[in-house]
Protein backbone atom coordinates (compact mmCIF):
# COMPACT_ATOMS: atom_id res chain seq x y z
CA UNK A 1 87.78 -5.07 -3.43
CA UNK A 2 87.94 -2.82 -0.50
CA UNK A 3 87.26 -3.72 3.03
CA UNK A 4 84.13 -2.17 4.56
CA UNK A 5 83.47 -1.75 8.26
CA UNK A 6 79.87 -2.92 8.02
CA UNK A 7 78.38 -5.50 5.75
CA UNK A 8 74.90 -6.66 5.25
CA UNK A 9 73.50 -9.62 3.24
CA UNK A 10 70.38 -9.02 1.08
CA UNK A 11 67.86 -11.12 -0.66
CA UNK A 12 67.17 -10.69 -4.39
CA UNK A 13 63.43 -10.74 -4.73
CA UNK A 14 61.37 -11.71 -7.77
CA UNK A 15 60.16 -8.09 -8.17
CA UNK A 16 63.91 -6.97 -8.47
CA UNK A 17 64.25 -8.70 -11.71
CA UNK A 18 63.67 -6.80 -14.95
CA UNK A 19 62.51 -7.92 -18.44
CA UNK A 20 66.20 -8.62 -19.23
CA UNK A 21 66.40 -11.28 -16.43
CA UNK A 22 68.63 -9.35 -14.06
CA UNK A 23 68.17 -6.96 -11.17
CA UNK A 24 66.95 -3.63 -12.56
CA UNK A 25 69.32 -0.80 -12.11
CA UNK A 26 66.89 1.15 -9.97
CA UNK A 27 66.73 -1.55 -7.52
CA UNK A 28 70.43 -0.97 -6.69
CA UNK A 29 69.26 2.21 -4.91
CA UNK A 30 66.77 0.24 -2.99
CA UNK A 31 69.68 -2.11 -1.80
CA UNK A 32 71.59 0.92 -0.71
CA UNK A 33 68.59 2.18 1.29
CA UNK A 34 68.23 -1.35 2.93
CA UNK A 35 72.14 -1.37 3.80
CA UNK A 36 71.69 2.13 5.19
CA UNK A 37 68.83 1.37 7.40
CA UNK A 38 70.76 -1.70 8.66
CA UNK A 39 73.85 0.50 9.36
CA UNK A 40 71.69 3.11 11.32
CA UNK A 41 70.27 0.50 13.32
CA UNK A 42 73.25 -1.77 14.01
CA UNK A 43 75.98 0.89 14.17
CA UNK A 44 74.27 4.11 15.28
CA UNK A 45 71.67 2.41 17.44
CA UNK A 46 68.70 4.34 15.68
CA UNK A 47 66.33 3.46 13.11
CA UNK A 48 66.53 5.56 9.98
CA UNK A 49 62.79 6.06 9.74
CA UNK A 50 62.74 7.56 13.26
CA UNK A 51 65.59 10.22 12.80
CA UNK A 52 65.39 13.40 10.82
CA UNK A 53 67.67 12.75 8.02
CA UNK A 54 67.27 13.50 4.32
CA UNK A 55 68.97 11.88 1.40
CA UNK A 56 70.76 14.96 -0.43
CA UNK A 57 72.96 12.94 -2.90
CA UNK A 58 73.11 9.49 -4.42
CA UNK A 59 75.77 8.26 -6.98
CA UNK A 60 75.86 4.68 -8.32
CA UNK A 61 78.71 3.34 -10.51
CA UNK A 62 77.43 0.08 -12.18
CA UNK A 63 80.15 -2.63 -12.78
CA UNK A 64 78.22 -5.76 -13.51
CA UNK A 65 74.52 -7.20 -13.45
CA UNK A 66 73.14 -9.07 -10.51
CA UNK A 67 71.27 -12.31 -11.38
CA UNK A 68 68.27 -13.61 -9.60
CA UNK A 69 70.15 -16.48 -7.83
CA UNK A 70 73.31 -14.29 -6.77
CA UNK A 71 74.11 -13.86 -3.11
CA UNK A 72 74.08 -10.12 -2.51
CA UNK A 73 76.25 -8.31 0.09
CA UNK A 74 76.39 -4.62 0.53
CA UNK A 75 79.40 -3.07 2.30
CA UNK A 76 78.99 0.30 3.94
CA UNK A 77 81.68 2.74 5.31
CA UNK A 78 81.29 6.22 6.36
CA UNK A 79 83.40 8.70 4.57
CA UNK A 80 84.66 12.02 6.05
CA UNK A 81 81.94 13.23 8.31
CA UNK A 82 80.63 16.78 7.77
CA UNK A 83 79.00 19.10 10.41
CA UNK A 84 75.58 17.97 9.55
CA UNK A 85 76.18 15.47 6.83
CA UNK A 86 76.82 11.76 6.89
CA UNK A 87 78.43 10.60 3.71
CA UNK A 88 78.40 6.86 3.06
CA UNK A 89 80.34 4.71 0.63
CA UNK A 90 79.10 1.37 -0.46
CA UNK A 91 80.08 -1.72 -2.42
CA UNK A 92 77.37 -3.95 -3.74
CA UNK A 93 78.69 -7.52 -4.36
CA UNK A 94 77.00 -10.41 -6.22
CA UNK A 95 78.42 -13.81 -5.48
CA UNK A 96 81.53 -12.07 -3.94
CA UNK A 97 82.12 -10.01 -7.00
CA UNK A 98 81.78 -6.11 -7.32
CA UNK A 99 78.48 -5.26 -8.92
CA UNK A 100 78.40 -1.63 -8.18
CA UNK A 101 80.03 1.04 -6.02
CA UNK A 102 78.06 3.93 -4.63
CA UNK A 103 78.11 7.01 -2.32
CA UNK A 104 75.10 8.63 -0.56
CA UNK A 105 75.07 11.73 1.57
CA UNK A 106 72.37 12.07 4.49
CA UNK A 107 71.97 15.23 6.14
CA UNK A 108 70.34 15.80 9.77
CA UNK A 109 67.54 17.98 9.64
CA UNK A 110 65.73 20.02 12.28
CA UNK A 111 62.13 18.74 11.98
CA UNK A 112 60.57 21.99 13.26
CA UNK A 113 62.74 24.47 11.15
CA UNK A 114 63.51 22.34 8.23
CA UNK A 115 67.25 23.47 8.39
CA UNK A 116 70.19 21.13 8.93
CA UNK A 117 71.53 20.51 12.40
CA UNK A 118 74.77 18.97 13.63
CA UNK A 119 75.31 15.19 13.65
CA UNK A 120 74.74 13.89 17.25
CA UNK A 121 77.90 13.45 19.16
CA UNK A 122 76.80 10.03 19.92
CA UNK A 123 76.66 8.90 16.35
CA UNK A 124 80.34 10.38 15.85
CA UNK A 125 81.47 8.13 18.79
CA UNK A 126 79.64 5.16 17.58
CA UNK A 127 81.12 5.56 14.02
CA UNK A 128 84.61 5.94 15.47
CA UNK A 129 84.35 2.82 17.56
CA UNK A 130 82.96 0.75 14.85
CA UNK A 131 85.86 1.81 12.59
CA UNK A 132 88.51 0.42 15.16
């Protein structure tokens, strides 16, 4: 398993479990969203709901099911930053074992024009400091 610069523990909720008795595959995207919000708050110092970003890409590779009583951790690392894009790579672990890997891309958007705008320099600085 890879080392990730940021990790967050998440709870498996009863509503996450599907009729097959494990976490529904669509819920993995919600776990990524929760980890992304925590990353924005803890590393970038902003709330994801208060900044103008949009999710433009989501990829998930499933490795194994997550069971109701598993301890879930999500590792997050930024990939190579773009001009306006913030790609993030993830590893979802259940009881310490890889359950999925994923990648998302957020783009910073100008609320008035609806077009992309550059990543704030403060975010770049915070990401660089957190990687070290």
